[in-house]
Amino acid sequence: MKIIKIQGMTCSHCTAAVESELKSLGELNFLEVSLENNSAKVEFKTDISDETIKNAIEDIGFDVIEIK
């Protein structure tokens, strides 16, 4: 499970955009995007690099602060 701290999400449309982008990277076991916590929790079925995740989220206009 990866926890991604995201800066710049301000509404439900933002969380939906992040969800959609993460879903496009590969099959998921788990996904939860929280506006309240400015984060996303994601578990992919295959290994997706942190760099790929960071680039995907930043390409749609949000800043990734950290991935744990």
PDB file of N, CA and C in Angstrom:
ATOM      1  N   MET A   1       0.854  -1.189   0.000  1.00  0.00           N
ATOM      2  CA  MET A   1       0.000   0.000   0.000  1.00  0.00           C
ATOM      3  C   MET A   1       0.890   1.240   0.000  1.00  0.00           C
ATOM      4  N   LYS A   2       0.609   2.139  -0.935  1.00  0.00           N
ATOM      5  CA  LYS A   2       1.331   3.410  -0.993  1.00  0.00           C
ATOM      6  C   LYS A   2       0.414   4.519  -0.498  1.00  0.00           C
ATOM      7  N   ILE A   3       0.976   5.425   0.267  1.00  0.00           N
ATOM      8  CA  ILE A   3       0.245   6.609   0.721  1.00  0.00           C
ATOM      9  C   ILE A   3       0.903   7.808   0.054  1.00  0.00           C
ATOM     10  N   ILE A   4       0.082   8.545  -0.691  1.00  0.00           N
ATOM     11  CA  ILE A   4       0.581   9.664  -1.479  1.00  0.00           C
ATOM     12  C   ILE A   4       0.029  10.958  -0.898  1.00  0.00           C
ATOM     13  N   LYS A   5       0.897  11.846  -0.471  1.00  0.00           N
ATOM     14  CA  LYS A   5       0.484  13.163   0.009  1.00  0.00           C
ATOM     15  C   LYS A   5       0.412  14.102  -1.192  1.00  0.00           C
ATOM     16  N   ILE A   6      -0.760  14.703  -1.393  1.00  0.00           N
ATOM     17  CA  ILE A   6      -1.013  15.508  -2.579  1.00  0.00           C
ATOM     18  C   ILE A   6      -1.430  16.921  -2.170  1.00  0.00           C
ATOM     19  N   GLN A   7      -0.823  17.909  -2.798  1.00  0.00           N
ATOM     20  CA  GLN A   7      -1.170  19.303  -2.542  1.00  0.00           C
ATOM     21  C   GLN A   7      -1.911  19.853  -3.751  1.00  0.00           C
ATOM     22  N   GLY A   8      -2.978  20.619  -3.496  1.00  0.00           N
ATOM     23  CA  GLY A   8      -3.687  21.292  -4.571  1.00  0.00           C
ATOM     24  C   GLY A   8      -5.101  20.804  -4.812  1.00  0.00           C
ATOM     25  N   MET A   9      -5.509  19.726  -4.142  1.00  0.00           N
ATOM     26  CA  MET A   9      -6.891  19.262  -4.296  1.00  0.00           C
ATOM     27  C   MET A   9      -7.799  20.151  -3.456  1.00  0.00           C
ATOM     28  N   THR A  10      -8.853  20.690  -4.097  1.00  0.00           N
ATOM     29  CA  THR A  10      -9.734  21.610  -3.375  1.00  0.00           C
ATOM     30  C   THR A  10     -11.201  21.209  -3.381  1.00  0.00           C
ATOM     31  N   CYS A  11     -11.562  20.196  -4.180  1.00  0.00           N
ATOM     32  CA  CYS A  11     -12.968  19.821  -4.285  1.00  0.00           C
ATOM     33  C   CYS A  11     -13.114  18.372  -4.743  1.00  0.00           C
ATOM     34  N   SER A  12     -14.350  17.914  -4.833  1.00  0.00           N
ATOM     35  CA  SER A  12     -14.594  16.527  -5.236  1.00  0.00           C
ATOM     36  C   SER A  12     -14.174  16.267  -6.685  1.00  0.00           C
ATOM     37  N   HIS A  13     -14.194  17.303  -7.521  1.00  0.00           N
ATOM     38  CA  HIS A  13     -13.721  17.125  -8.899  1.00  0.00           C
ATOM     39  C   HIS A  13     -12.218  16.829  -8.921  1.00  0.00           C
ATOM     40  N   CYS A  14     -11.491  17.432  -8.004  1.00  0.00           N
ATOM     41  CA  CYS A  14     -10.053  17.181  -7.894  1.00  0.00           C
ATOM     42  C   CYS A  14      -9.789  15.733  -7.491  1.00  0.00           C
ATOM     43  N   THR A  15     -10.503  15.269  -6.474  1.00  0.00           N
ATOM     44  CA  THR A  15     -10.299  13.883  -6.034  1.00  0.00           C
ATOM     45  C   THR A  15     -10.687  12.905  -7.133  1.00  0.00           C
ATOM     46  N   ALA A  16     -11.739  13.214  -7.869  1.00  0.00           N
ATOM     47  CA  ALA A  16     -12.164  12.344  -8.976  1.00  0.00           C
ATOM     48  C   ALA A  16     -11.091  12.299 -10.071  1.00  0.00           C
ATOM     49  N   ALA A  17     -10.459  13.429 -10.340  1.00  0.00           N
ATOM     50  CA  ALA A  17      -9.397  13.476 -11.347  1.00  0.00           C
ATOM     51  C   ALA A  17      -8.201  12.626 -10.915  1.00  0.00           C
ATOM     52  N   VAL A  18      -7.827  12.713  -9.637  1.00  0.00           N
ATOM     53  CA  VAL A  18      -6.715  11.913  -9.121  1.00  0.00           C
ATOM     54  C   VAL A  18      -7.084  10.430  -9.173  1.00  0.00           C
ATOM     55  N   GLU A  19      -8.301  10.087  -8.760  1.00  0.00           N
ATOM     56  CA  GLU A  19      -8.764   8.701  -8.828  1.00  0.00           C
ATOM     57  C   GLU A  19      -8.669   8.166 -10.240  1.00  0.00           C
ATOM     58  N   SER A  20      -9.178   8.914 -11.181  1.00  0.00           N
ATOM     59  CA  SER A  20      -9.181   8.496 -12.578  1.00  0.00           C
ATOM     60  C   SER A  20      -7.761   8.292 -13.099  1.00  0.00           C
ATOM     61  N   GLU A  21      -6.880   9.190 -12.747  1.00  0.00           N
ATOM     62  CA  GLU A  21      -5.489   9.096 -13.200  1.00  0.00           C
ATOM     63  C   GLU A  21      -4.804   7.862 -12.615  1.00  0.00           C
ATOM     64  N   LEU A  22      -5.028   7.596 -11.330  1.00  0.00           N
ATOM     65  CA  LEU A  22      -4.417   6.418 -10.708  1.00  0.00           C
ATOM     66  C   LEU A  22      -4.981   5.131 -11.305  1.00  0.00           C
ATOM     67  N   LYS A  23      -6.280   5.109 -11.578  1.00  0.00           N
ATOM     68  CA  LYS A  23      -6.901   3.927 -12.200  1.00  0.00           C
ATOM     69  C   LYS A  23      -6.310   3.661 -13.578  1.00  0.00           C
ATOM     70  N   SER A  24      -5.913   4.717 -14.275  1.00  0.00           N
ATOM     71  CA  SER A  24      -5.379   4.553 -15.632  1.00  0.00           C
ATOM     72  C   SER A  24      -3.975   3.942 -15.644  1.00  0.00           C
ATOM     73  N   LEU A  25      -3.309   3.917 -14.490  1.00  0.00           N
ATOM     74  CA  LEU A  25      -1.941   3.400 -14.429  1.00  0.00           C
ATOM     75  C   LEU A  25      -1.871   1.878 -14.375  1.00  0.00           C
ATOM     76  N   GLY A  26      -2.943   1.237 -13.920  1.00  0.00           N
ATOM     77  CA  GLY A  26      -2.928  -0.221 -13.826  1.00  0.00           C
ATOM     78  C   GLY A  26      -4.058  -0.730 -12.961  1.00  0.00           C
ATOM     79  N   GLU A  27      -4.180  -2.066 -12.920  1.00  0.00           N
ATOM     80  CA  GLU A  27      -5.236  -2.668 -12.111  1.00  0.00           C
ATOM     81  C   GLU A  27      -4.970  -2.437 -10.631  1.00  0.00           C
ATOM     82  N   LEU A  28      -6.046  -2.199  -9.902  1.00  0.00           N
ATOM     83  CA  LEU A  28      -5.934  -1.842  -8.489  1.00  0.00           C
ATOM     84  C   LEU A  28      -6.502  -2.922  -7.579  1.00  0.00           C
ATOM     85  N   ASN A  29      -5.873  -3.078  -6.435  1.00  0.00           N
ATOM     86  CA  ASN A  29      -6.451  -3.847  -5.340  1.00  0.00           C
ATOM     87  C   ASN A  29      -7.239  -2.927  -4.410  1.00  0.00           C
ATOM     88  N   PHE A  30      -6.770  -1.669  -4.303  1.00  0.00           N
ATOM     89  CA  PHE A  30      -7.383  -0.712  -3.365  1.00  0.00           C
ATOM     90  C   PHE A  30      -7.088   0.699  -3.835  1.00  0.00           C
ATOM     91  N   LEU A  31      -8.073   1.593  -3.672  1.00  0.00           N
ATOM     92  CA  LEU A  31      -7.877   3.014  -3.965  1.00  0.00           C
ATOM     93  C   LEU A  31      -8.807   3.837  -3.101  1.00  0.00           C
ATOM     94  N   GLU A  32      -8.226   4.829  -2.442  1.00  0.00           N
ATOM     95  CA  GLU A  32      -9.013   5.780  -1.652  1.00  0.00           C
ATOM     96  C   GLU A  32      -8.327   7.139  -1.754  1.00  0.00           C
ATOM     97  N   VAL A  33      -9.057   8.122  -2.265  1.00  0.00           N
ATOM     98  CA  VAL A  33      -8.524   9.485  -2.356  1.00  0.00           C
ATOM     99  C   VAL A  33      -9.294  10.341  -1.365  1.00  0.00           C
ATOM    100  N   SER A  34      -8.561  11.036  -0.480  1.00  0.00           N
ATOM    101  CA  SER A  34      -9.188  11.824   0.573  1.00  0.00           C
ATOM    102  C   SER A  34      -8.874  13.303   0.416  1.00  0.00           C
ATOM    103  N   LEU A  35      -9.915  14.080   0.184  1.00  0.00           N
ATOM    104  CA  LEU A  35      -9.775  15.536   0.124  1.00  0.00           C
ATOM    105  C   LEU A  35      -9.415  16.069   1.512  1.00  0.00           C
ATOM    106  N   GLU A  36     -10.057  15.511   2.518  1.00  0.00           N
ATOM    107  CA  GLU A  36      -9.843  15.938   3.904  1.00  0.00           C
ATOM    108  C   GLU A  36      -8.388  15.768   4.342  1.00  0.00           C
ATOM    109  N   ASN A  37      -7.759  14.655   3.932  1.00  0.00           N
ATOM    110  CA  ASN A  37      -6.372  14.376   4.334  1.00  0.00           C
ATOM    111  C   ASN A  37      -5.341  14.771   3.276  1.00  0.00           C
ATOM    112  N   ASN A  38      -5.832  15.305   2.151  1.00  0.00           N
ATOM    113  CA  ASN A  38      -4.929  15.633   1.031  1.00  0.00           C
ATOM    114  C   ASN A  38      -4.019  14.469   0.686  1.00  0.00           C
ATOM    115  N   SER A  39      -4.636  13.297   0.526  1.00  0.00           N
ATOM    116  CA  SER A  39      -3.833  12.111   0.260  1.00  0.00           C
ATOM    117  C   SER A  39      -4.603  11.086  -0.555  1.00  0.00           C
ATOM    118  N   ALA A  40      -3.852  10.117  -1.029  1.00  0.00           N
ATOM    119  CA  ALA A  40      -4.437   8.961  -1.692  1.00  0.00           C
ATOM    120  C   ALA A  40      -3.749   7.725  -1.150  1.00  0.00           C
ATOM    121  N   LYS A  41      -4.532   6.679  -0.949  1.00  0.00           N
ATOM    122  CA  LYS A  41      -3.991   5.373  -0.589  1.00  0.00           C
ATOM    123  C   LYS A  41      -4.271   4.471  -1.779  1.00  0.00           C
ATOM    124  N   VAL A  42      -3.232   3.818  -2.255  1.00  0.00           N
ATOM    125  CA  VAL A  42      -3.396   2.992  -3.448  1.00  0.00           C
ATOM    126  C   VAL A  42      -2.555   1.726  -3.345  1.00  0.00           C
ATOM    127  N   GLU A  43      -3.126   0.646  -3.849  1.00  0.00           N
ATOM    128  CA  GLU A  43      -2.379  -0.605  -3.958  1.00  0.00           C
ATOM    129  C   GLU A  43      -2.664  -1.164  -5.352  1.00  0.00           C
ATOM    130  N   PHE A  44      -1.606  -1.263  -6.140  1.00  0.00           N
ATOM    131  CA  PHE A  44      -1.723  -1.799  -7.493  1.00  0.00           C
ATOM    132  C   PHE A  44      -1.495  -3.305  -7.492  1.00  0.00           C
ATOM    133  N   LYS A  45      -2.088  -4.000  -8.450  1.00  0.00           N
ATOM    134  CA  LYS A  45      -1.882  -5.440  -8.585  1.00  0.00           C
ATOM    135  C   LYS A  45      -0.489  -5.747  -9.113  1.00  0.00           C
ATOM    136  N   THR A  46       0.089  -4.816  -9.869  1.00  0.00           N
ATOM    137  CA  THR A  46       1.455  -4.955 -10.361  1.00  0.00           C
ATOM    138  C   THR A  46       2.283  -3.800  -9.807  1.00  0.00           C
ATOM    139  N   ASP A  47       3.580  -3.913  -9.925  1.00  0.00           N
ATOM    140  CA  ASP A  47       4.460  -2.882  -9.368  1.00  0.00           C
ATOM    141  C   ASP A  47       4.475  -1.648 -10.273  1.00  0.00           C
ATOM    142  N   ILE A  48       4.068  -0.523  -9.720  1.00  0.00           N
ATOM    143  CA  ILE A  48       4.106   0.764 -10.415  1.00  0.00           C
ATOM    144  C   ILE A  48       5.087   1.646  -9.639  1.00  0.00           C
ATOM    145  N   SER A  49       6.061   2.212 -10.333  1.00  0.00           N
ATOM    146  CA  SER A  49       7.092   2.991  -9.631  1.00  0.00           C
ATOM    147  C   SER A  49       6.520   4.279  -9.051  1.00  0.00           C
ATOM    148  N   ASP A  50       7.156   4.737  -7.980  1.00  0.00           N
ATOM    149  CA  ASP A  50       6.762   6.005  -7.360  1.00  0.00           C
ATOM    150  C   ASP A  50       6.893   7.147  -8.359  1.00  0.00           C
ATOM    151  N   GLU A  51       7.916   7.100  -9.190  1.00  0.00           N
ATOM    152  CA  GLU A  51       8.147   8.148 -10.178  1.00  0.00           C
ATOM    153  C   GLU A  51       6.998   8.208 -11.182  1.00  0.00           C
ATOM    154  N   THR A  52       6.496   7.040 -11.602  1.00  0.00           N
ATOM    155  CA  THR A  52       5.369   6.988 -12.540  1.00  0.00           C
ATOM    156  C   THR A  52       4.119   7.590 -11.903  1.00  0.00           C
ATOM    157  N   ILE A  53       3.874   7.247 -10.651  1.00  0.00           N
ATOM    158  CA  ILE A  53       2.714   7.776  -9.923  1.00  0.00           C
ATOM    159  C   ILE A  53       2.828   9.292  -9.776  1.00  0.00           C
ATOM    160  N   LYS A  54       4.006   9.739  -9.347  1.00  0.00           N
ATOM    161  CA  LYS A  54       4.242  11.179  -9.142  1.00  0.00           C
ATOM    162  C   LYS A  54       4.029  11.951 -10.443  1.00  0.00           C
ATOM    163  N   ASN A  55       4.615  11.464 -11.531  1.00  0.00           N
ATOM    164  CA  ASN A  55       4.489  12.152 -12.819  1.00  0.00           C
ATOM    165  C   ASN A  55       3.038  12.211 -13.285  1.00  0.00           C
ATOM    166  N   ALA A  56       2.297  11.130 -13.112  1.00  0.00           N
ATOM    167  CA  ALA A  56       0.897  11.078 -13.547  1.00  0.00           C
ATOM    168  C   ALA A  56       0.057  12.114 -12.806  1.00  0.00           C
ATOM    169  N   ILE A  57       0.245  12.193 -11.496  1.00  0.00           N
ATOM    170  CA  ILE A  57      -0.538  13.140 -10.684  1.00  0.00           C
ATOM    171  C   ILE A  57      -0.125  14.578 -10.990  1.00  0.00           C
ATOM    172  N   GLU A  58       1.161  14.800 -11.145  1.00  0.00           N
ATOM    173  CA  GLU A  58       1.630  16.161 -11.427  1.00  0.00           C
ATOM    174  C   GLU A  58       1.248  16.605 -12.838  1.00  0.00           C
ATOM    175  N   ASP A  59       1.118  15.660 -13.768  1.00  0.00           N
ATOM    176  CA  ASP A  59       0.701  15.996 -15.135  1.00  0.00           C
ATOM    177  C   ASP A  59      -0.726  16.540 -15.186  1.00  0.00           C
ATOM    178  N   ILE A  60      -1.558  16.207 -14.191  1.00  0.00           N
ATOM    179  CA  ILE A  60      -2.928  16.727 -14.173  1.00  0.00           C
ATOM    180  C   ILE A  60      -3.079  17.946 -13.256  1.00  0.00           C
ATOM    181  N   GLY A  61      -1.933  18.474 -12.774  1.00  0.00           N
ATOM    182  CA  GLY A  61      -1.960  19.771 -12.101  1.00  0.00           C
ATOM    183  C   GLY A  61      -1.869  19.796 -10.583  1.00  0.00           C
ATOM    184  N   PHE A  62      -1.529  18.649  -9.987  1.00  0.00           N
ATOM    185  CA  PHE A  62      -1.390  18.615  -8.527  1.00  0.00           C
ATOM    186  C   PHE A  62       0.061  18.352  -8.163  1.00  0.00           C
ATOM    187  N   ASP A  63       0.442  18.715  -6.940  1.00  0.00           N
ATOM    188  CA  ASP A  63       1.812  18.482  -6.464  1.00  0.00           C
ATOM    189  C   ASP A  63       1.850  17.282  -5.540  1.00  0.00           C
ATOM    190  N   VAL A  64       2.805  16.391  -5.793  1.00  0.00           N
ATOM    191  CA  VAL A  64       3.001  15.253  -4.916  1.00  0.00           C
ATOM    192  C   VAL A  64       4.084  15.641  -3.922  1.00  0.00           C
ATOM    193  N   ILE A  65       3.715  15.619  -2.650  1.00  0.00           N
ATOM    194  CA  ILE A  65       4.646  16.010  -1.590  1.00  0.00           C
ATOM    195  C   ILE A  65       5.535  14.836  -1.188  1.00  0.00           C
ATOM    196  N   GLU A  66       4.917  13.668  -1.036  1.00  0.00           N
ATOM    197  CA  GLU A  66       5.690  12.465  -0.706  1.00  0.00           C
ATOM    198  C   GLU A  66       4.868  11.219  -1.018  1.00  0.00           C
ATOM    199  N   ILE A  67       5.591  10.122  -1.194  1.00  0.00           N
ATOM    200  CA  ILE A  67       4.969   8.812  -1.381  1.00  0.00           C
ATOM    201  C   ILE A  67       5.643   7.872  -0.389  1.00  0.00           C
ATOM    202  N   LYS A  68       4.810   7.240   0.448  1.00  0.00           N
ATOM    203  CA  LYS A  68       5.351   6.295   1.433  1.00  0.00           C
ATOM    204  C   LYS A  68       4.847   4.904   1.108  1.00  0.00           C
TER     205      LYS A  68
END
